[in-house]
Amino acid sequence: MNPVGLLFLFFLLIPLVEIYFLIKVGSIIGAIPTIALVVFTALLGAMLLRFQGLATLQRTRSAMAQGKLPAMEMLEGVLLVFSGALLLTPGFVTDTMGFLLLVPPLRKMLIRWFLSKSTIKTQQFRDSSGSSSPDPHTIEGEYHREDD
């Protein structure tokens, strides 16, 4: 199936599943408690997302200060944005998926799985002697411009 058809199916099925669960939960605990529960999960998710986002930002800054590429942290940031969108969407299924993405070990496992399935490969940099090192060499210098 083409990606547009898959996306259309996704946007059709998710609201139907959410409505089904909202009706089921609402018939068990009532309408007002169901609405309160949806609002509570959105607020709790936003609070947890804030803490996770700040921690990821701090790890990103630390990695950059050490001269490392913060690839894992950047991908975690993408998943945190996706988690926030899921948590702000009213419903129990999207909230469950959003809360699962807030669990750091699960998030890292998902990123590792994605990277193993992707075609992205890491590149080892080699110095002039031919030995590989994780960081490229930086050549520093000065220049000045001479006008004619």
Protein backbone atom coordinates (compact mmCIF):
# COMPACT_ATOMS: atom_id res chain seq x y z
CA MET A 1 0.00 0.00 0.00
CA ASN A 2 1.28 3.45 -0.82
CA PRO A 3 2.24 5.84 2.01
CA VAL A 4 -0.66 8.22 1.33
CA GLY A 5 -3.20 5.40 1.60
CA LEU A 6 -1.53 4.15 4.77
CA LEU A 7 -1.61 7.64 6.26
CA PHE A 8 -5.28 8.01 5.31
CA LEU A 9 -6.06 4.67 6.97
CA PHE A 10 -4.12 5.75 10.06
CA PHE A 11 -6.03 9.03 10.35
CA LEU A 12 -9.31 7.17 9.89
CA LEU A 13 -8.70 4.28 12.30
CA ILE A 14 -7.12 6.13 15.23
CA PRO A 15 -10.10 8.46 15.86
CA LEU A 16 -12.53 5.53 15.54
CA VAL A 17 -10.57 3.48 18.08
CA GLU A 18 -10.35 6.50 20.40
CA ILE A 19 -14.09 7.16 20.19
CA TYR A 20 -14.81 3.48 20.88
CA PHE A 21 -12.66 3.49 24.04
CA LEU A 22 -14.01 6.85 25.21
CA ILE A 23 -17.57 5.53 24.91
CA LYS A 24 -16.68 2.26 26.69
CA VAL A 25 -14.88 4.01 29.57
CA GLY A 26 -17.60 6.67 29.73
CA SER A 27 -20.30 4.02 30.07
CA ILE A 28 -18.40 2.44 32.97
CA ILE A 29 -17.27 5.48 35.00
CA GLY A 30 -19.49 8.23 33.57
CA ALA A 31 -19.02 11.17 31.23
CA ILE A 32 -17.58 13.75 33.66
CA PRO A 33 -14.96 11.37 35.16
CA THR A 34 -13.96 10.28 31.63
CA ILE A 35 -13.43 13.89 30.54
CA ALA A 36 -11.54 14.60 33.77
CA LEU A 37 -9.35 11.55 33.18
CA VAL A 38 -8.53 12.65 29.62
CA VAL A 39 -7.64 16.16 30.83
CA PHE A 40 -5.59 14.73 33.72
CA THR A 41 -3.57 12.46 31.43
CA ALA A 42 -2.89 15.42 29.10
CA LEU A 43 -1.66 17.57 32.00
CA LEU A 44 0.40 14.76 33.52
CA GLY A 45 1.87 13.98 30.11
CA ALA A 46 2.78 17.63 29.52
CA MET A 47 4.53 17.79 32.89
CA LEU A 48 6.47 14.56 32.30
CA LEU A 49 7.29 15.67 28.76
CA ARG A 50 8.74 18.90 30.10
CA PHE A 51 11.06 17.05 32.49
CA GLN A 52 12.11 14.54 29.82
CA GLY A 53 12.69 17.31 27.29
CA LEU A 54 14.85 19.34 29.66
CA ALA A 55 16.90 16.25 30.57
CA THR A 56 17.40 15.45 26.88
CA LEU A 57 18.39 19.05 26.18
CA GLN A 58 20.94 18.92 29.00
CA ARG A 59 22.42 15.67 27.64
CA THR A 60 22.58 17.25 24.17
CA ARG A 61 24.46 20.27 25.49
CA SER A 62 26.82 18.03 27.45
CA ALA A 63 27.59 15.89 24.40
CA MET A 64 28.19 18.97 22.25
CA ALA A 65 30.48 20.47 24.91
CA GLN A 66 32.54 17.27 24.77
CA GLY A 67 32.77 17.55 20.99
CA LYS A 68 30.51 14.56 20.34
CA LEU A 69 27.62 14.39 17.92
CA PRO A 70 24.41 14.16 19.98
CA ALA A 71 22.67 11.82 17.51
CA MET A 72 20.84 9.71 20.09
CA GLU A 73 19.67 12.81 21.93
CA MET A 74 18.41 14.41 18.71
CA LEU A 75 16.41 11.30 17.85
CA GLU A 76 15.09 11.20 21.40
CA GLY A 77 13.96 14.80 20.91
CA VAL A 78 12.03 13.79 17.81
CA LEU A 79 10.32 11.00 19.72
CA LEU A 80 9.55 13.38 22.58
CA VAL A 81 7.84 15.78 20.15
CA PHE A 82 5.85 12.85 18.78
CA SER A 83 5.03 11.78 22.34
CA GLY A 84 3.80 15.29 23.15
CA ALA A 85 1.52 15.28 20.13
CA LEU A 86 0.10 11.92 21.18
CA LEU A 87 -0.43 13.06 24.76
CA LEU A 88 -2.25 16.21 23.71
CA THR A 89 -4.57 14.23 21.44
CA PRO A 90 -7.67 13.37 23.47
CA GLY A 91 -8.06 9.66 24.03
CA PHE A 92 -6.72 6.70 25.91
CA VAL A 93 -4.94 4.85 23.10
CA THR A 94 -2.87 7.86 22.03
CA ASP A 95 -2.15 8.68 25.68
CA THR A 96 -0.89 5.14 26.24
CA MET A 97 1.41 5.37 23.22
CA GLY A 98 2.58 8.83 24.33
CA PHE A 99 3.35 7.65 27.87
CA LEU A 100 5.24 4.63 26.49
CA LEU A 101 7.46 6.99 24.49
CA LEU A 102 8.28 8.84 27.72
CA VAL A 103 9.98 5.73 29.16
CA PRO A 104 13.70 6.33 28.40
CA PRO A 105 14.81 2.66 28.02
CA LEU A 106 11.89 1.94 25.70
CA ARG A 107 12.59 5.10 23.71
CA LYS A 108 16.27 4.17 23.30
CA MET A 109 15.37 0.62 22.31
CA LEU A 110 12.99 2.00 19.66
CA ILE A 111 15.72 4.31 18.32
CA ARG A 112 18.24 1.46 18.15
CA TRP A 113 15.70 -0.70 16.32
CA PHE A 114 15.01 2.11 13.86
CA LEU A 115 18.72 2.69 13.23
CA SER A 116 19.30 -1.03 12.67
CA LYS A 117 16.54 -1.02 10.01
CA SER A 118 17.63 2.22 8.36
CA THR A 119 20.28 2.75 5.74
CA ILE A 120 22.13 5.33 7.85
CA LYS A 121 25.68 4.20 8.48
CA THR A 122 28.23 5.83 10.71
CA GLN A 123 31.49 6.96 9.20
CA GLN A 124 34.87 6.49 10.82
CA PHE A 125 37.27 9.35 10.21
CA ARG A 126 40.89 8.50 9.43
CA ASP A 127 43.88 10.65 10.16
CA SER A 128 46.91 11.01 7.94
CA SER A 129 48.53 7.89 9.42
CA GLY A 130 45.53 5.78 8.38
CA SER A 131 44.32 4.97 11.88
CA SER A 132 40.68 5.58 12.60
CA SER A 133 39.54 7.87 15.35
CA PRO A 134 36.01 8.73 16.46
CA ASP A 135 36.52 12.48 16.06
CA PRO A 136 37.75 14.25 12.91
CA HIS A 137 40.85 16.40 13.18
CA THR A 138 40.27 20.08 13.27
CA ILE A 139 42.74 22.19 11.39
CA GLU A 140 43.03 25.62 12.92
CA GLY A 141 44.57 28.56 11.21
CA GLU A 142 44.39 32.24 10.53
CA TYR A 143 43.91 34.16 7.36
CA HIS A 144 43.81 37.74 6.30
CA ARG A 145 42.51 39.33 3.18
CA GLU A 146 44.77 41.38 0.99
CA ASP A 147 43.00 43.95 -1.13
CA ASP A 148 44.45 44.90 -4.50
